[in-house]
Amino acid sequence: MTTSATVTSTITTTATPTGQPAQSADTVTAHTLLNCLIREVSAPEHQVTVDEDHLLLRLPRCDLLLRTRLRRASVIGAHRFQGPVQRLDDATWVTIGWRELAGYVQDELELRTGMANDEFLDQVADSRETIRTALEHRAHAEPETNLYLTSEQALVFGHRFHPTPKARTGDPADWLAYGPETGARFRLRYLAVRRHLVREEGDLRELDALCPPADPGFVTLPVHPWQFRLLRDNHRLRAAMAAGEIGDIGVSGPELVPTASVRTLYQPDADTFLKFSLNVRLTNCVRKHASYELSGAVVLNRLVQPVMAALAERFPGCGLLAEPGYRTLDADDDTALLEGLGVIVRSGLGPHLRPGVTPLLAAAIADEYPTSRAHVSHLLARGDGDVLAWWDAYVRLLLPPVLAAYFEHGVVLEPHLQNVVVGVNADGMPVQILFRDLEGTKLLPRHHQHTLDTLPEDVRGPLTYDAERGWNRVAYCLLVNHVAELLGALADLEPALEPALWGVVRDRLDAYARTAAVPPRLRALLSGVPLPAKANLLLRWARQADRHATYVALPSPLGMDFPREVTP
């Protein structure tokens, strides 16, 4: 078999996203596993090729050849598949299911790494079951009328390059009432906590407005009802409630809507987000606030907001959602409660949005298998359908502020698809880009050493990246997770435009580089050096947290001689 890490075949799409049949949990689970195998295992070892209208990949340690039909080949290796996966058995292609494929992945990784992972197959199964349950629930649910909320709750299938994109601790009965994919809305649990047991920093007026305290000696602490169920048997919590130090106000107040991250909830009437801890594994990590993340959010908010204000003046249309404060329970150094009951306030969209602009989650716009009217195909249908003009407007908004934040201000933003809200006008054209979630935002010490020196070590360390790690994170989130995926959604609509779409990206990168004296990292990027892609499969196999993620090199289309379809 002739193998190649880069597929350049000109296979065209057989159907647009809006014309595709509904996808099954089994099919998408298998295709997602293939995505991971190609990106992190087979392509780096030159074990991927195209044979007419099929993609073939070999698992060399298992001596196994797999194939699946191609719907569209991608110049960056983010291919689109259709139909089942097959393995070669002697001279016959035999169809296999997602479970058998997951077993082959397990076998290959055991041989490659020399270690086992007895959680892996169960987590793949959990992810597939979440997708199946969500699809079943959505088939009978009333559709959401608010387009922004629809976009936040549209991600049924999850991350295309994560082996367990919808893995979720517990039985579906545990999360159905709280999952964004099911269109959930629910009220919070509120605790009344004596002030001496509260740890908080920053501006918490938005939080207090949801459920004002009835007694001046107490502070109201909202708790995600799922998390309350998980922590209610904590010995220190039960003792404090029995002693009258903490009162259970119960479930009350306005309904909140879970967003794509599951644990961040939105209160539409107040235009406020609350980011909670959840002692639940979602995709890769248990999603609870570490102590340093609580304090770090307030520090970052103070440092980064002026930077983003300056960038907004220079690049109109960009903004950052503030995280002005947090509150949690601080009882007898009980880390489980301090981290488990922490809540971070995130300010809403309203102060940023221009009149007549509709906010939409970028991940919903780019979804391979769209489940909502937020998809880019619907946005293009509102206007004249000019794909290149729409894309040029998009990357003009997205690229410059992220690059300037890194190169000129030493701020590492994390603009992956789930962290960006796009504002579109009545014609569906992008006119605003809003960044959110300070958890992944980091600082380069060279730019911020004076401020960092004033912080405790446990807060200072996690707030920083060195220049190389910061650049890998920016390049991955911006170009691989975000730009390449949204570009792929546009290429699904008009496959012949994929080279020109990458040409637009290169033009906009080059335009910013010229304003910044062409930094060496950008010069290398424009010359076509490989792009860093986060190795989600290998990370999950190693059972490590996201902060330990490594990167694999992707072939970059940026050094190719694409036609210039738009003016600089």
Protein backbone atom coordinates (compact mmCIF):
# COMPACT_ATOMS: atom_id res chain seq x y z
CA MET A 1 0.00 0.00 0.00
CA THR A 2 1.32 3.42 -0.92
CA THR A 3 0.99 5.62 2.13
CA SER A 4 1.02 9.34 2.66
CA ALA A 5 0.50 11.69 5.56
CA THR A 6 -1.19 14.23 3.31
CA VAL A 7 -4.15 13.44 1.10
CA THR A 8 -4.59 15.75 -1.88
CA SER A 9 -7.14 13.80 -3.90
CA THR A 10 -9.96 15.88 -5.41
CA ILE A 11 -12.90 13.89 -4.13
CA THR A 12 -16.05 15.99 -4.00
CA THR A 13 -18.90 16.00 -1.57
CA THR A 14 -22.02 13.97 -2.31
CA ALA A 15 -24.40 16.10 -0.25
CA THR A 16 -24.46 19.38 1.60
CA PRO A 17 -24.82 19.27 5.39
CA THR A 18 -28.43 20.39 5.20
CA GLY A 19 -29.17 17.59 2.74
CA GLN A 20 -27.59 14.76 4.68
CA PRO A 21 -29.69 12.13 6.43
CA ALA A 22 -29.76 12.19 10.19
CA GLN A 23 -26.59 10.72 11.64
CA SER A 24 -26.65 7.90 14.16
CA ALA A 25 -24.68 7.74 17.38
CA ASP A 26 -22.95 4.60 16.11
CA THR A 27 -21.80 6.14 12.83
CA VAL A 28 -20.54 9.38 14.34
CA THR A 29 -18.73 7.53 17.13
CA ALA A 30 -16.91 5.39 14.56
CA HIS A 31 -16.04 8.39 12.38
CA THR A 32 -14.76 10.35 15.38
CA LEU A 33 -12.47 7.49 16.37
CA LEU A 34 -11.18 7.44 12.79
CA ASN A 35 -10.47 11.17 12.94
CA CYS A 36 -8.35 10.64 16.05
CA LEU A 37 -6.53 7.62 14.62
CA ILE A 38 -5.65 9.47 11.43
CA ARG A 39 -4.46 12.65 13.13
CA GLU A 40 -2.48 11.15 16.01
CA VAL A 41 -1.46 7.62 15.03
CA SER A 42 -1.63 6.60 11.38
CA ALA A 43 -0.91 9.84 9.48
CA PRO A 44 2.21 10.78 11.51
CA GLU A 45 3.56 7.30 10.67
CA HIS A 46 2.63 7.66 6.97
CA GLN A 47 -0.05 4.97 7.16
CA VAL A 48 -2.90 6.86 5.43
CA THR A 49 -3.76 7.04 1.74
CA VAL A 50 -6.69 7.45 -0.65
CA ASP A 51 -7.83 4.68 -2.97
CA GLU A 52 -10.37 6.13 -5.39
CA ASP A 53 -13.29 7.18 -3.19
CA HIS A 54 -12.11 5.49 0.03
CA LEU A 55 -9.65 6.50 2.70
CA LEU A 56 -7.41 3.68 3.88
CA LEU A 57 -5.46 3.63 7.11
CA ARG A 58 -3.24 1.00 8.62
CA LEU A 59 -2.69 0.20 12.28
CA PRO A 60 0.87 -1.04 11.86
CA ARG A 61 1.37 -2.69 15.24
CA CYS A 62 -1.86 -4.67 14.87
CA ASP A 63 -1.17 -5.28 11.16
CA LEU A 64 -4.70 -4.16 10.40
CA LEU A 65 -5.98 -2.26 7.35
CA LEU A 66 -9.17 -0.20 7.66
CA ARG A 67 -11.14 1.86 5.18
CA THR A 68 -14.21 4.04 4.93
CA ARG A 69 -15.87 5.88 2.09
CA LEU A 70 -14.92 9.52 1.66
CA ARG A 71 -17.57 12.19 1.33
CA ARG A 72 -14.89 14.86 0.91
CA ALA A 73 -11.12 14.87 1.26
CA SER A 74 -9.49 17.76 3.12
CA VAL A 75 -6.14 19.39 2.35
CA ILE A 76 -5.43 19.52 6.09
CA GLY A 77 -6.46 15.91 6.75
CA ALA A 78 -9.78 16.76 8.41
CA HIS A 79 -11.68 14.49 6.03
CA ARG A 80 -15.41 13.85 5.84
CA PHE A 81 -16.60 10.25 5.85
CA GLN A 82 -19.81 8.46 5.01
CA GLY A 83 -21.04 4.98 5.76
CA PRO A 84 -19.49 2.23 7.84
CA VAL A 85 -15.88 1.42 8.63
CA GLN A 86 -14.47 -1.79 7.15
CA ARG A 87 -11.41 -3.95 7.81
CA LEU A 88 -9.60 -6.11 5.31
CA ASP A 89 -10.01 -9.81 6.12
CA ASP A 90 -7.85 -11.76 3.65
CA ALA A 91 -9.18 -10.34 0.37
CA THR A 92 -12.61 -9.29 1.67
CA TRP A 93 -13.71 -6.00 3.20
CA VAL A 94 -15.80 -6.70 6.32
CA THR A 95 -17.96 -4.03 7.96
CA ILE A 96 -17.20 -3.36 11.62
CA GLY A 97 -19.07 -1.37 14.26
CA TRP A 98 -17.88 1.37 16.59
CA ARG A 99 -17.27 -1.05 19.43
CA GLU A 100 -14.99 -3.30 17.40
CA LEU A 101 -13.15 -0.24 16.07
CA ALA A 102 -12.64 1.05 19.62
CA GLY A 103 -11.14 -2.31 20.51
CA TYR A 104 -8.65 -2.02 17.66
CA VAL A 105 -7.73 1.48 18.83
CA GLN A 106 -7.14 0.08 22.31
CA ASP A 107 -4.95 -2.73 20.97
CA GLU A 108 -2.86 -0.37 18.82
CA LEU A 109 -2.30 2.11 21.64
CA GLU A 110 -1.34 -0.61 24.12
CA LEU A 111 1.31 -1.82 21.70
CA ARG A 112 2.46 1.71 20.91
CA THR A 113 2.68 3.04 24.47
CA GLY A 114 3.43 -0.12 26.43
CA MET A 115 0.64 0.62 28.87
CA ALA A 116 -3.02 -0.32 29.22
CA ASN A 117 -6.07 1.82 29.87
CA ASP A 118 -8.96 -0.15 31.32
CA GLU A 119 -11.23 2.93 31.24
CA PHE A 120 -10.98 3.66 27.54
CA LEU A 121 -13.64 1.37 26.08
CA ASP A 122 -16.14 2.29 28.79
CA GLN A 123 -15.58 5.99 28.12
CA VAL A 124 -16.11 5.52 24.38
CA ALA A 125 -19.31 3.64 25.21
CA ASP A 126 -20.40 6.41 27.60
CA SER A 127 -19.86 9.01 24.89
CA ARG A 128 -21.83 7.02 22.34
CA GLU A 129 -24.66 6.52 24.83
CA THR A 130 -24.84 10.24 25.57
CA ILE A 131 -25.17 10.96 21.84
CA ARG A 132 -27.82 8.26 21.40
CA THR A 133 -29.81 9.51 24.39
CA ALA A 134 -29.62 13.13 23.27
CA LEU A 135 -30.78 12.28 19.74
CA GLU A 136 -33.67 10.28 21.12
CA HIS A 137 -34.67 13.09 23.47
CA ARG A 138 -34.41 15.80 20.82
CA ALA A 139 -36.70 13.88 18.48
CA HIS A 140 -39.60 14.58 20.85
CA ALA A 141 -38.58 17.94 22.34
CA GLU A 142 -40.12 21.33 21.66
CA PRO A 143 -37.71 23.43 19.57
CA GLU A 144 -36.00 26.39 21.25
CA THR A 145 -37.07 29.71 19.73
CA ASN A 146 -34.09 31.79 20.90
CA LEU A 147 -31.42 31.32 18.22
CA TYR A 148 -28.52 32.04 20.56
CA LEU A 149 -29.70 29.45 23.08
CA THR A 150 -30.30 27.04 20.20
CA SER A 151 -26.66 27.42 19.17
CA GLU A 152 -25.41 26.78 22.71
CA GLN A 153 -27.44 23.59 22.90
CA ALA A 154 -26.80 22.31 19.38
CA LEU A 155 -23.61 20.30 19.92
CA VAL A 156 -25.05 16.81 20.00
CA PHE A 157 -21.96 15.07 18.59
CA GLY A 158 -19.19 17.11 20.19
CA HIS A 159 -15.54 17.51 19.27
CA ARG A 160 -14.65 15.80 15.96
CA PHE A 161 -11.11 15.04 17.14
CA HIS A 162 -11.75 13.71 20.63
CA PRO A 163 -12.17 9.96 21.15
CA THR A 164 -14.85 10.43 23.83
CA PRO A 165 -16.43 13.79 22.95
CA LYS A 166 -19.59 13.24 24.97
CA ALA A 167 -18.31 11.02 27.78
CA ARG A 168 -20.20 11.96 30.91
CA THR A 169 -20.02 10.44 34.36
CA GLY A 170 -23.15 8.60 35.45
CA ASP A 171 -26.32 7.21 33.98
CA PRO A 172 -28.30 9.39 31.55
CA ALA A 173 -30.90 9.72 34.29
CA ASP A 174 -28.28 11.73 36.21
CA TRP A 175 -27.75 14.37 33.51
CA LEU A 176 -30.81 14.48 31.24
CA ALA A 177 -32.30 17.35 33.22
CA TYR A 178 -29.03 19.31 33.05
CA GLY A 179 -27.59 18.61 29.59
CA PRO A 180 -27.54 21.37 26.98
CA GLU A 181 -28.19 18.82 24.21
CA THR A 182 -31.63 18.10 25.66
CA GLY A 183 -32.69 21.75 25.74
CA ALA A 184 -32.68 21.77 29.53
CA ARG A 185 -33.69 24.69 31.73
CA PHE A 186 -33.66 24.50 35.50
CA ARG A 187 -33.48 26.49 38.72
CA LEU A 188 -30.50 26.57 41.05
CA ARG A 189 -30.15 25.32 44.58
CA TYR A 190 -29.34 28.15 46.99
CA LEU A 191 -27.49 27.97 50.28
CA ALA A 192 -27.46 30.72 52.92
CA VAL A 193 -23.92 30.74 54.33
CA ARG A 194 -22.63 32.69 57.33
CA ARG A 195 -20.17 35.31 56.12
CA HIS A 196 -17.18 33.89 57.96
CA LEU A 197 -17.51 30.68 55.93
CA VAL A 198 -17.48 32.47 52.59
CA ARG A 199 -14.47 33.06 50.39
CA GLU A 200 -15.01 35.54 47.59
CA GLU A 201 -13.25 38.12 45.46
CA GLY A 202 -14.30 40.74 42.97
CA ASP A 203 -17.62 42.22 41.91
CA LEU A 204 -20.52 39.88 42.71
CA ARG A 205 -23.51 42.14 42.16
CA GLU A 206 -24.71 40.07 39.20
CA LEU A 207 -24.66 36.93 41.35
CA ASP A 208 -26.46 38.52 44.29
CA ALA A 209 -29.19 39.87 42.03
CA LEU A 210 -30.33 36.30 41.27
CA CYS A 211 -31.24 35.53 44.89
CA PRO A 212 -30.58 38.37 47.36
CA PRO A 213 -29.76 37.26 50.93
CA ALA A 214 -32.61 37.61 53.41
CA ASP A 215 -30.35 37.94 56.46
CA PRO A 216 -27.40 40.42 56.50
CA GLY A 217 -25.36 37.91 58.48
CA PHE A 218 -25.53 35.41 55.62
CA VAL A 219 -24.42 35.32 52.00
CA THR A 220 -26.30 33.49 49.27
CA LEU A 221 -24.31 30.78 47.50
CA PRO A 222 -25.94 29.33 44.37
CA VAL A 223 -25.17 25.67 43.67
CA HIS A 224 -25.72 23.65 40.53
CA PRO A 225 -28.43 21.12 41.55
CA TRP A 226 -26.47 18.24 40.02
CA GLN A 227 -23.41 19.23 42.07
CA PHE A 228 -25.49 19.57 45.23
CA ARG A 229 -26.62 16.00 44.78
CA LEU A 230 -23.00 14.89 44.42
CA LEU A 231 -21.79 16.78 47.51
CA ARG A 232 -24.74 16.67 49.88
CA ASP A 233 -23.28 13.78 51.89
CA ASN A 234 -20.02 15.64 52.54
CA HIS A 235 -19.39 15.38 56.30
CA ARG A 236 -18.34 19.02 56.78
CA LEU A 237 -21.29 20.32 54.78
CA ARG A 238 -23.77 18.23 56.75
CA ALA A 239 -22.22 19.34 60.05
CA ALA A 240 -22.39 23.02 59.10
CA MET A 241 -26.01 22.69 58.04
CA ALA A 242 -26.88 20.88 61.29
CA ALA A 243 -25.17 23.69 63.28
CA GLY A 244 -27.11 26.41 61.47
CA GLU A 245 -24.01 27.83 59.79
CA ILE A 246 -25.42 26.92 56.40
CA GLY A 247 -29.10 26.95 55.52
CA ASP A 248 -30.65 25.17 52.55
CA ILE A 249 -32.91 27.72 50.85
CA GLY A 250 -33.92 25.09 48.33
CA VAL A 251 -34.48 25.27 44.60
CA SER A 252 -35.77 28.69 43.63
CA GLY A 253 -35.17 31.78 41.53
CA PRO A 254 -35.13 32.14 37.75
CA GLU A 255 -34.47 29.32 35.33
CA LEU A 256 -31.00 29.07 33.84
CA VAL A 257 -29.93 27.44 30.58
CA PRO A 258 -26.89 25.14 30.32
CA THR A 259 -24.51 26.25 27.59
CA ALA A 260 -22.21 24.06 25.50
CA SER A 261 -19.73 23.55 28.35
CA VAL A 262 -22.51 21.96 30.46
CA ARG A 263 -21.37 23.54 33.73
CA THR A 264 -21.68 27.17 32.60
CA LEU A 265 -25.28 28.34 32.84
CA TYR A 266 -26.93 31.39 31.31
CA GLN A 267 -29.72 33.46 32.81
CA PRO A 268 -31.29 35.20 29.79
CA ASP A 269 -33.32 37.82 31.66
CA ALA A 270 -30.33 38.99 33.70
CA ASP A 271 -27.88 38.41 30.81
CA THR A 272 -25.48 36.71 33.23
CA PHE A 273 -23.43 33.52 33.06
CA LEU A 274 -22.48 31.44 36.10
CA LYS A 275 -19.67 28.92 35.80
CA PHE A 276 -20.01 26.15 38.37
CA SER A 277 -17.92 23.23 39.48
CA LEU A 278 -19.19 19.78 38.55
CA ASN A 279 -17.58 16.66 40.00
CA VAL A 280 -18.30 15.00 36.68
CA ARG A 281 -15.92 13.89 33.95
CA LEU A 282 -16.88 15.69 30.75
CA THR A 283 -14.81 14.56 27.74
CA ASN A 284 -11.37 14.52 29.37
CA CYS A 285 -11.51 16.13 32.81
CA VAL A 286 -13.52 16.34 36.00
CA ARG A 287 -14.88 19.86 35.66
CA LYS A 288 -14.34 21.51 39.00
CA HIS A 289 -12.63 24.77 39.85
CA ALA A 290 -9.21 24.35 41.37
CA SER A 291 -8.59 26.86 44.15
CA TYR A 292 -6.01 28.72 42.08
CA GLU A 293 -8.45 28.98 39.16
CA LEU A 294 -10.92 30.91 41.29
CA SER A 295 -8.39 33.56 42.32
CA GLY A 296 -6.74 33.40 38.92
CA ALA A 297 -9.96 34.34 37.12
CA VAL A 298 -10.19 37.60 39.07
CA VAL A 299 -6.51 38.39 38.47
CA LEU A 300 -6.79 37.67 34.76
CA ASN A 301 -9.95 39.69 34.45
CA ARG A 302 -8.18 42.70 35.96
CA LEU A 303 -5.15 42.32 33.70
CA VAL A 304 -6.76 41.29 30.44
CA GLN A 305 -9.77 43.59 30.29
CA PRO A 306 -7.64 46.70 29.57
CA VAL A 307 -5.78 44.77 26.88
CA MET A 308 -9.02 43.71 25.22
CA ALA A 309 -10.41 47.24 25.47
CA ALA A 310 -7.35 48.49 23.57
CA LEU A 311 -7.71 45.73 21.00
CA ALA A 312 -11.40 46.55 20.55
CA GLU A 313 -10.48 50.14 19.66
CA ARG A 314 -7.95 48.92 17.13
CA PHE A 315 -10.04 46.02 15.80
CA PRO A 316 -13.70 47.07 16.10
CA GLY A 317 -16.05 44.16 16.63
CA CYS A 318 -14.01 42.13 19.12
CA GLY A 319 -14.60 41.85 22.85
CA LEU A 320 -14.07 39.68 25.92
CA LEU A 321 -16.77 38.62 28.37
CA ALA A 322 -15.67 39.73 31.84
CA GLU A 323 -15.33 37.40 34.83
CA PRO A 324 -15.51 39.97 37.64
CA GLY A 325 -15.71 37.70 40.68
CA TYR A 326 -16.21 34.35 42.37
CA ARG A 327 -17.71 32.98 45.56
CA THR A 328 -17.28 29.67 47.34
CA LEU A 329 -17.50 27.94 50.71
CA ASP A 330 -14.35 28.04 52.85
CA ALA A 331 -14.93 25.70 55.78
CA ASP A 332 -12.11 24.15 57.83
CA ASP A 333 -9.80 23.91 54.82
CA ASP A 334 -12.15 21.42 53.18
CA THR A 335 -10.77 21.45 49.64
CA ALA A 336 -13.61 19.32 48.31
CA LEU A 337 -16.13 21.99 49.30
CA LEU A 338 -13.96 24.99 48.44
CA GLU A 339 -13.40 23.70 44.91
CA GLY A 340 -16.70 21.88 44.52
CA LEU A 341 -18.96 24.80 45.47
CA GLY A 342 -17.06 27.56 43.68
CA VAL A 343 -19.00 29.71 41.22
CA ILE A 344 -17.47 32.26 38.83
CA VAL A 345 -19.58 35.12 37.52
CA ARG A 346 -19.28 35.90 33.82
CA SER A 347 -20.89 39.03 32.46
CA GLY A 348 -23.32 38.71 29.59
CA LEU A 349 -23.43 39.51 25.89
CA GLY A 350 -25.65 42.55 25.98
CA PRO A 351 -23.03 45.22 26.77
CA HIS A 352 -21.03 44.12 23.71
CA LEU A 353 -23.68 43.48 21.08
CA ARG A 354 -24.55 46.13 18.53
CA PRO A 355 -28.22 46.76 17.68
CA GLY A 356 -29.67 44.14 15.38
CA VAL A 357 -26.84 41.66 15.92
CA THR A 358 -27.59 38.02 16.85
CA PRO A 359 -25.00 36.11 18.91
CA LEU A 360 -24.24 32.51 17.92
CA LEU A 361 -21.80 29.96 19.27
CA ALA A 362 -19.00 29.42 16.74
CA ALA A 363 -19.06 25.64 17.29
CA ALA A 364 -22.69 25.48 16.14
CA ILE A 365 -21.87 27.52 13.03
CA ALA A 366 -19.12 25.04 12.15
CA ASP A 367 -20.85 21.77 13.11
CA GLU A 368 -20.19 18.93 10.65
CA TYR A 369 -23.65 17.49 11.27
CA PRO A 370 -25.72 20.59 11.99
CA THR A 371 -28.72 20.31 14.25
CA SER A 372 -29.73 23.98 14.34
CA ARG A 373 -30.42 27.10 12.28
CA ALA A 374 -27.14 28.53 13.56
CA HIS A 375 -25.13 26.53 11.01
CA VAL A 376 -23.21 28.49 8.39
CA SER A 377 -25.40 27.09 5.61
CA HIS A 378 -28.38 28.88 7.12
CA LEU A 379 -26.41 32.10 7.60
CA LEU A 380 -25.32 32.13 3.96
CA ALA A 381 -28.91 31.51 2.87
CA ARG A 382 -29.93 34.78 4.54
CA GLY A 383 -27.72 36.84 2.24
CA ASP A 384 -26.31 36.51 -1.26
CA GLY A 385 -24.55 33.22 -0.52
CA ASP A 386 -21.07 34.56 -1.35
CA VAL A 387 -18.94 32.07 0.58
CA LEU A 388 -15.62 33.87 0.09
CA ALA A 389 -17.01 37.26 1.13
CA TRP A 390 -18.56 35.73 4.25
CA TRP A 391 -15.31 33.96 5.13
CA ASP A 392 -13.20 37.06 4.57
CA ALA A 393 -15.43 39.02 6.94
CA TYR A 394 -15.11 36.25 9.51
CA VAL A 395 -11.33 35.90 9.53
CA ARG A 396 -10.88 39.70 9.47
CA LEU A 397 -12.71 39.75 12.82
CA LEU A 398 -11.15 36.64 14.35
CA LEU A 399 -7.46 36.58 13.52
CA PRO A 400 -6.01 40.05 14.28
CA PRO A 401 -7.08 40.45 17.93
CA VAL A 402 -5.88 36.95 18.90
CA LEU A 403 -2.52 37.47 17.21
CA ALA A 404 -2.06 40.97 18.61
CA ALA A 405 -2.94 39.75 22.11
CA TYR A 406 -0.12 37.20 21.88
CA PHE A 407 2.60 39.09 20.00
CA GLU A 408 2.03 42.59 21.36
CA HIS A 409 0.53 42.08 24.81
CA GLY A 410 1.77 38.68 25.96
CA VAL A 411 -1.77 37.34 26.43
CA VAL A 412 -2.55 33.79 25.30
CA LEU A 413 -6.23 33.62 24.41
CA GLU A 414 -7.93 30.26 23.87
CA PRO A 415 -10.20 30.94 20.87
CA HIS A 416 -11.41 27.42 20.18
CA LEU A 417 -14.89 26.99 18.73
CA GLN A 418 -16.62 26.65 22.08
CA ASN A 419 -14.98 29.80 23.47
CA VAL A 420 -16.09 32.19 20.75
CA VAL A 421 -19.48 33.82 20.20
CA VAL A 422 -20.04 35.29 16.74
CA GLY A 423 -22.38 38.21 16.15
CA VAL A 424 -24.18 38.13 12.80
CA ASN A 425 -26.39 40.77 11.20
CA ALA A 426 -29.74 40.27 9.52
CA ASP A 427 -28.02 39.06 6.32
CA GLY A 428 -26.11 36.39 8.26
CA MET A 429 -22.77 38.19 7.86
CA PRO A 430 -20.34 38.09 10.80
CA VAL A 431 -19.85 41.55 12.30
CA GLN A 432 -18.61 40.80 15.84
CA ILE A 433 -16.39 38.27 17.62
CA LEU A 434 -16.63 37.83 21.40
CA PHE A 435 -14.14 35.71 23.35
CA ARG A 436 -15.00 34.03 26.63
CA ASP A 437 -13.72 31.79 29.43
CA LEU A 438 -10.57 32.93 31.22
CA GLU A 439 -9.75 29.42 32.41
CA GLY A 440 -7.60 28.80 29.34
CA THR A 441 -6.24 32.34 29.08
CA LYS A 442 -2.58 32.61 30.08
CA LEU A 443 0.14 35.26 30.35
CA LEU A 444 3.67 35.32 28.95
CA PRO A 445 5.95 36.16 31.90
CA ARG A 446 8.19 38.46 29.86
CA HIS A 447 5.31 40.90 29.43
CA HIS A 448 3.77 40.60 32.92
CA GLN A 449 6.61 39.75 35.28
CA HIS A 450 6.04 42.71 37.62
CA THR A 451 2.40 41.79 38.21
CA LEU A 452 3.10 38.09 38.44
CA ASP A 453 5.74 38.68 41.12
CA THR A 454 3.05 40.09 43.40
CA LEU A 455 0.93 36.91 43.28
CA PRO A 456 1.15 33.78 45.44
CA GLU A 457 3.03 30.96 43.71
CA ASP A 458 -0.01 28.67 43.58
CA VAL A 459 -1.85 31.35 41.57
CA ARG A 460 1.11 32.72 39.58
CA GLY A 461 2.34 29.42 38.14
CA PRO A 462 -0.92 28.24 36.52
CA LEU A 463 -1.50 31.68 34.97
CA THR A 464 1.57 31.52 32.76
CA TYR A 465 2.87 29.79 29.65
CA ASP A 466 6.32 30.13 28.20
CA ALA A 467 6.42 31.58 24.70
CA GLU A 468 6.55 28.23 22.87
CA ARG A 469 3.78 26.58 24.84
CA GLY A 470 1.67 29.72 24.52
CA TRP A 471 2.18 29.83 20.76
CA ASN A 472 1.28 26.17 20.35
CA ARG A 473 -1.93 26.80 22.26
CA VAL A 474 -2.82 29.89 20.23
CA ALA A 475 -1.96 28.25 16.90
CA TYR A 476 -3.91 25.10 17.76
CA CYS A 477 -7.04 26.80 19.10
CA LEU A 478 -7.09 29.51 16.45
CA LEU A 479 -6.05 27.72 13.29
CA VAL A 480 -6.69 24.01 13.81
CA ASN A 481 -9.65 23.84 16.19
CA HIS A 482 -11.39 26.97 14.92
CA VAL A 483 -10.35 28.20 11.48
CA ALA A 484 -9.85 24.77 9.90
CA GLU A 485 -13.14 23.44 11.25
CA LEU A 486 -15.25 26.41 10.13
CA LEU A 487 -13.44 26.43 6.82
CA GLY A 488 -14.32 22.74 6.53
CA ALA A 489 -18.01 23.51 7.02
CA LEU A 490 -17.80 26.03 4.16
CA ALA A 491 -15.90 23.57 1.98
CA ASP A 492 -18.69 21.05 2.56
CA LEU A 493 -20.99 23.48 0.78
CA GLU A 494 -18.60 24.26 -2.10
CA PRO A 495 -15.67 21.80 -2.14
CA ALA A 496 -13.92 23.50 -5.06
CA LEU A 497 -13.45 26.61 -2.91
CA GLU A 498 -11.28 24.97 -0.23
CA PRO A 499 -7.98 26.25 -1.70
CA ALA A 500 -9.36 29.77 -2.05
CA LEU A 501 -10.68 29.67 1.53
CA TRP A 502 -7.19 28.84 2.78
CA GLY A 503 -5.90 31.62 0.56
CA VAL A 504 -8.10 34.08 2.45
CA VAL A 505 -6.67 32.85 5.74
CA ARG A 506 -3.13 33.29 4.47
CA ASP A 507 -3.91 36.80 3.22
CA ARG A 508 -5.29 37.87 6.56
CA LEU A 509 -2.38 36.35 8.50
CA ASP A 510 0.02 38.11 6.17
CA ALA A 511 -1.83 41.42 6.55
CA TYR A 512 -1.52 41.29 10.34
CA ALA A 513 2.11 40.12 10.19
CA ARG A 514 3.05 43.23 8.19
CA THR A 515 1.61 45.47 10.89
CA ALA A 516 3.68 43.67 13.54
CA ALA A 517 7.04 43.61 11.70
CA VAL A 518 6.47 39.97 10.70
CA PRO A 519 7.32 38.11 13.93
CA PRO A 520 9.43 34.97 13.31
CA ARG A 521 6.65 32.62 14.44
CA LEU A 522 4.27 34.18 11.93
CA ARG A 523 6.92 34.14 9.22
CA ALA A 524 7.33 30.41 9.81
CA LEU A 525 3.57 29.91 9.82
CA LEU A 526 3.21 31.69 6.49
CA SER A 527 6.01 29.59 5.01
CA GLY A 528 3.98 26.45 5.69
CA VAL A 529 5.56 24.92 8.79
CA PRO A 530 3.36 22.17 10.29
CA LEU A 531 0.47 23.23 12.50
CA PRO A 532 0.23 21.96 16.09
CA ALA A 533 -2.85 19.82 16.79
CA LYS A 534 -3.74 18.80 20.32
CA ALA A 535 -3.38 15.04 20.79
CA ASN A 536 -6.71 14.32 22.48
CA LEU A 537 -6.60 10.57 21.88
CA LEU A 538 -3.13 10.15 23.35
CA LEU A 539 -4.02 12.45 26.24
CA ARG A 540 -7.11 10.43 27.10
CA TRP A 541 -5.18 7.20 26.73
CA ALA A 542 -2.58 8.46 29.21
CA ARG A 543 -5.41 9.55 31.57
CA GLN A 544 -3.89 12.99 31.99
CA ALA A 545 -5.44 16.42 32.46
CA ASP A 546 -5.59 18.94 29.62
CA ARG A 547 -2.62 20.88 30.98
CA HIS A 548 -0.41 17.91 30.06
CA ALA A 549 -1.56 17.84 26.44
CA THR A 550 1.02 17.33 23.72
CA TYR A 551 0.72 18.21 20.05
CA VAL A 552 1.11 16.36 16.78
CA ALA A 553 2.21 18.08 13.59
CA LEU A 554 -0.39 18.63 10.86
CA PRO A 555 0.51 19.39 7.25
CA SER A 556 -0.20 23.08 6.74
CA PRO A 557 -1.86 24.46 3.62
CA LEU A 558 -0.59 27.98 4.40
CA GLY A 559 2.63 27.58 2.44
CA MET A 560 0.82 26.47 -0.71
CA ASP A 561 0.40 28.83 -3.65
CA PHE A 562 -3.32 29.43 -3.42
CA PRO A 563 -5.13 31.91 -5.66
CA ARG A 564 -5.82 35.29 -4.06
CA GLU A 565 -9.58 35.70 -4.38
CA VAL A 566 -9.86 38.79 -2.18
CA THR A 567 -7.80 41.94 -1.88
CA PRO A 568 -5.53 42.37 1.18
